[in-house]
Amino acid sequence: MTQNNNSWRKTYFTLLAGQAISFISSGILQMAIIFYLVAKTNSAIILTAATLIGFLPQACLGPFAGCNQQAFWGVFL
């Protein structure tokens, strides 16, 4: 019983750590692209457009994608 109890925790925290690393590295990459575009163009409009294009889809689609993923995987759990 104890080994089964620890098994799901190990899997859960492994997935949680992977998602955290992925989320952080994605944000770092988006910021690097934004800084690169601003350094090349020296334009505030490019800064605004690149920021919106980079982060707005995550902010708008993230909650819906999370709900759909939970509903889909809830069938299997």
N, C-alpha and C. Protein backbone atom coordinates (compact mmCIF):
# COMPACT_ATOMS: atom_id res chain seq x y z
N MET A 1 0.82 -1.19 0.00
CA MET A 1 0.00 0.00 0.00
C MET A 1 0.86 1.26 0.00
N THR A 2 1.95 1.24 0.75
CA THR A 2 2.81 2.42 0.83
C THR A 2 3.54 2.67 -0.49
N GLN A 3 3.98 1.61 -1.14
CA GLN A 3 4.70 1.78 -2.41
C GLN A 3 3.77 2.35 -3.49
N ASN A 4 2.54 1.90 -3.53
CA ASN A 4 1.57 2.43 -4.49
C ASN A 4 1.28 3.89 -4.20
N ASN A 5 1.22 4.25 -2.91
CA ASN A 5 0.97 5.63 -2.52
C ASN A 5 2.11 6.54 -2.96
N ASN A 6 3.34 6.10 -2.85
CA ASN A 6 4.50 6.89 -3.26
C ASN A 6 4.67 6.92 -4.77
N SER A 7 4.15 5.93 -5.46
CA SER A 7 4.30 5.85 -6.91
C SER A 7 3.62 7.02 -7.62
N TRP A 8 2.39 7.34 -7.23
CA TRP A 8 1.69 8.43 -7.89
C TRP A 8 2.32 9.77 -7.54
N ARG A 9 2.85 9.89 -6.34
CA ARG A 9 3.49 11.15 -5.94
C ARG A 9 4.74 11.40 -6.76
N LYS A 10 5.52 10.36 -6.99
CA LYS A 10 6.74 10.52 -7.78
C LYS A 10 6.39 10.93 -9.21
N THR A 11 5.38 10.28 -9.79
CA THR A 11 4.95 10.62 -11.14
C THR A 11 4.41 12.04 -11.20
N TYR A 12 3.59 12.41 -10.23
CA TYR A 12 2.99 13.75 -10.20
C TYR A 12 4.06 14.83 -10.10
N PHE A 13 4.99 14.67 -9.18
CA PHE A 13 6.00 15.71 -8.99
C PHE A 13 7.00 15.75 -10.15
N THR A 14 7.22 14.62 -10.79
CA THR A 14 8.07 14.62 -11.99
C THR A 14 7.41 15.41 -13.11
N LEU A 15 6.12 15.18 -13.32
CA LEU A 15 5.40 15.94 -14.34
C LEU A 15 5.30 17.42 -13.98
N LEU A 16 5.07 17.71 -12.71
CA LEU A 16 4.98 19.10 -12.26
C LEU A 16 6.30 19.84 -12.47
N ALA A 17 7.41 19.18 -12.16
CA ALA A 17 8.72 19.79 -12.36
C ALA A 17 8.99 20.01 -13.84
N GLY A 18 8.63 19.05 -14.68
CA GLY A 18 8.81 19.20 -16.12
C GLY A 18 8.00 20.35 -16.69
N GLN A 19 6.76 20.49 -16.23
CA GLN A 19 5.92 21.60 -16.68
C GLN A 19 6.49 22.93 -16.22
N ALA A 20 6.99 22.99 -15.01
CA ALA A 20 7.56 24.24 -14.50
C ALA A 20 8.79 24.65 -15.30
N ILE A 21 9.65 23.70 -15.60
CA ILE A 21 10.85 23.99 -16.40
C ILE A 21 10.45 24.45 -17.80
N SER A 22 9.47 23.77 -18.38
CA SER A 22 9.01 24.14 -19.72
C SER A 22 8.41 25.55 -19.74
N PHE A 23 7.61 25.87 -18.74
CA PHE A 23 6.96 27.18 -18.67
C PHE A 23 7.99 28.29 -18.49
N ILE A 24 8.95 28.07 -17.62
CA ILE A 24 9.98 29.08 -17.37
C ILE A 24 10.87 29.28 -18.60
N SER A 25 11.28 28.18 -19.23
CA SER A 25 12.14 28.30 -20.40
C SER A 25 11.39 28.93 -21.58
N SER A 26 10.11 28.67 -21.71
CA SER A 26 9.32 29.30 -22.76
C SER A 26 9.25 30.81 -22.55
N GLY A 27 9.05 31.23 -21.33
CA GLY A 27 9.01 32.66 -21.03
C GLY A 27 10.35 33.34 -21.27
N ILE A 28 11.43 32.66 -20.91
CA ILE A 28 12.76 33.22 -21.15
C ILE A 28 13.03 33.37 -22.64
N LEU A 29 12.64 32.37 -23.41
CA LEU A 29 12.82 32.43 -24.86
C LEU A 29 12.01 33.56 -25.47
N GLN A 30 10.77 33.72 -25.04
CA GLN A 30 9.94 34.81 -25.56
C GLN A 30 10.54 36.17 -25.21
N MET A 31 11.05 36.31 -24.01
CA MET A 31 11.67 37.58 -23.65
C MET A 31 12.95 37.83 -24.45
N ALA A 32 13.71 36.78 -24.72
CA ALA A 32 14.92 36.94 -25.53
C ALA A 32 14.58 37.39 -26.94
N ILE A 33 13.53 36.82 -27.52
CA ILE A 33 13.11 37.23 -28.87
C ILE A 33 12.65 38.68 -28.85
N ILE A 34 11.91 39.07 -27.82
CA ILE A 34 11.44 40.45 -27.71
C ILE A 34 12.63 41.41 -27.59
N PHE A 35 13.59 41.08 -26.73
CA PHE A 35 14.76 41.95 -26.57
C PHE A 35 15.57 42.03 -27.86
N TYR A 36 15.69 40.93 -28.58
CA TYR A 36 16.42 40.92 -29.84
C TYR A 36 15.73 41.85 -30.86
N LEU A 37 14.42 41.73 -30.98
CA LEU A 37 13.70 42.59 -31.93
C LEU A 37 13.81 44.06 -31.56
N VAL A 38 13.73 44.36 -30.29
CA VAL A 38 13.84 45.76 -29.85
C VAL A 38 15.25 46.29 -30.09
N ALA A 39 16.27 45.46 -29.85
CA ALA A 39 17.65 45.89 -30.06
C ALA A 39 17.92 46.15 -31.54
N LYS A 40 17.33 45.33 -32.41
CA LYS A 40 17.56 45.51 -33.85
C LYS A 40 16.79 46.68 -34.43
N THR A 41 15.54 46.89 -33.95
CA THR A 41 14.71 47.94 -34.55
C THR A 41 14.69 49.24 -33.75
N ASN A 42 14.94 49.15 -32.42
CA ASN A 42 14.90 50.32 -31.55
C ASN A 42 13.54 51.01 -31.63
N SER A 43 12.47 50.21 -31.61
CA SER A 43 11.12 50.74 -31.76
C SER A 43 10.23 50.28 -30.62
N ALA A 44 9.48 51.22 -30.07
CA ALA A 44 8.53 50.89 -29.01
C ALA A 44 7.33 50.12 -29.55
N ILE A 45 6.96 50.38 -30.79
CA ILE A 45 5.84 49.67 -31.40
C ILE A 45 6.18 48.19 -31.58
N ILE A 46 7.40 47.90 -31.98
CA ILE A 46 7.84 46.51 -32.10
C ILE A 46 7.84 45.84 -30.73
N LEU A 47 8.24 46.57 -29.70
CA LEU A 47 8.23 46.03 -28.34
C LEU A 47 6.81 45.64 -27.94
N THR A 48 5.86 46.54 -28.19
CA THR A 48 4.47 46.26 -27.84
C THR A 48 3.91 45.10 -28.63
N ALA A 49 4.14 45.10 -29.94
CA ALA A 49 3.61 44.04 -30.80
C ALA A 49 4.21 42.68 -30.45
N ALA A 50 5.51 42.65 -30.24
CA ALA A 50 6.16 41.38 -29.91
C ALA A 50 5.70 40.85 -28.55
N THR A 51 5.49 41.73 -27.60
CA THR A 51 5.01 41.30 -26.29
C THR A 51 3.60 40.74 -26.39
N LEU A 52 2.73 41.43 -27.11
CA LEU A 52 1.36 40.94 -27.28
C LEU A 52 1.32 39.62 -28.03
N ILE A 53 2.07 39.53 -29.11
CA ILE A 53 2.09 38.30 -29.90
C ILE A 53 2.67 37.14 -29.09
N GLY A 54 3.64 37.42 -28.25
CA GLY A 54 4.29 36.37 -27.47
C GLY A 54 3.49 35.89 -26.28
N PHE A 55 2.89 36.79 -25.53
CA PHE A 55 2.28 36.41 -24.26
C PHE A 55 0.76 36.39 -24.26
N LEU A 56 0.11 37.08 -25.17
CA LEU A 56 -1.35 37.12 -25.17
C LEU A 56 -1.99 35.76 -25.46
N PRO A 57 -1.49 34.98 -26.40
CA PRO A 57 -2.11 33.66 -26.61
C PRO A 57 -2.03 32.77 -25.37
N GLN A 58 -0.93 32.82 -24.65
CA GLN A 58 -0.82 32.03 -23.42
C GLN A 58 -1.85 32.49 -22.40
N ALA A 59 -2.03 33.77 -22.27
CA ALA A 59 -2.96 34.30 -21.28
C ALA A 59 -4.41 34.01 -21.65
N CYS A 60 -4.72 34.06 -22.94
CA CYS A 60 -6.11 33.84 -23.37
C CYS A 60 -6.48 32.36 -23.47
N LEU A 61 -5.57 31.55 -23.98
CA LEU A 61 -5.89 30.14 -24.21
C LEU A 61 -5.53 29.24 -23.04
N GLY A 62 -4.67 29.69 -22.16
CA GLY A 62 -4.22 28.86 -21.05
C GLY A 62 -5.33 28.31 -20.17
N PRO A 63 -6.25 29.14 -19.68
CA PRO A 63 -7.31 28.60 -18.82
C PRO A 63 -8.20 27.59 -19.54
N PHE A 64 -8.54 27.84 -20.79
CA PHE A 64 -9.40 26.92 -21.52
C PHE A 64 -8.68 25.61 -21.84
N ALA A 65 -7.41 25.72 -22.19
CA ALA A 65 -6.63 24.51 -22.47
C ALA A 65 -6.48 23.67 -21.21
N GLY A 66 -6.29 24.31 -20.08
CA GLY A 66 -6.17 23.57 -18.83
C GLY A 66 -7.45 22.86 -18.45
N CYS A 67 -8.59 23.52 -18.64
CA CYS A 67 -9.88 22.88 -18.34
C CYS A 67 -10.14 21.70 -19.27
N ASN A 68 -9.85 21.89 -20.56
CA ASN A 68 -10.06 20.80 -21.51
C ASN A 68 -9.13 19.63 -21.22
N GLN A 69 -7.90 19.92 -20.87
CA GLN A 69 -6.96 18.85 -20.57
C GLN A 69 -7.41 18.08 -19.34
N GLN A 70 -7.89 18.78 -18.33
CA GLN A 70 -8.33 18.10 -17.13
C GLN A 70 -9.58 17.27 -17.41
N ALA A 71 -10.49 17.78 -18.23
CA ALA A 71 -11.68 17.02 -18.56
C ALA A 71 -11.32 15.76 -19.37
N PHE A 72 -10.37 15.89 -20.28
CA PHE A 72 -9.97 14.75 -21.10
C PHE A 72 -9.27 13.70 -20.26
N TRP A 73 -8.28 14.13 -19.46
CA TRP A 73 -7.51 13.16 -18.67
C TRP A 73 -8.29 12.66 -17.47
N GLY A 74 -9.34 13.39 -17.06
CA GLY A 74 -10.16 12.92 -15.94
C GLY A 74 -10.87 11.62 -16.25
N VAL A 75 -11.13 11.35 -17.54
CA VAL A 75 -11.76 10.11 -17.95
C VAL A 75 -10.84 8.94 -17.67
N PHE A 76 -9.54 9.14 -17.85
CA PHE A 76 -8.59 8.05 -17.70
C PHE A 76 -8.11 7.85 -16.27
N LEU A 77 -8.30 8.85 -15.42
CA LEU A 77 -7.80 8.73 -14.04
C LEU A 77 -8.77 8.08 -13.14
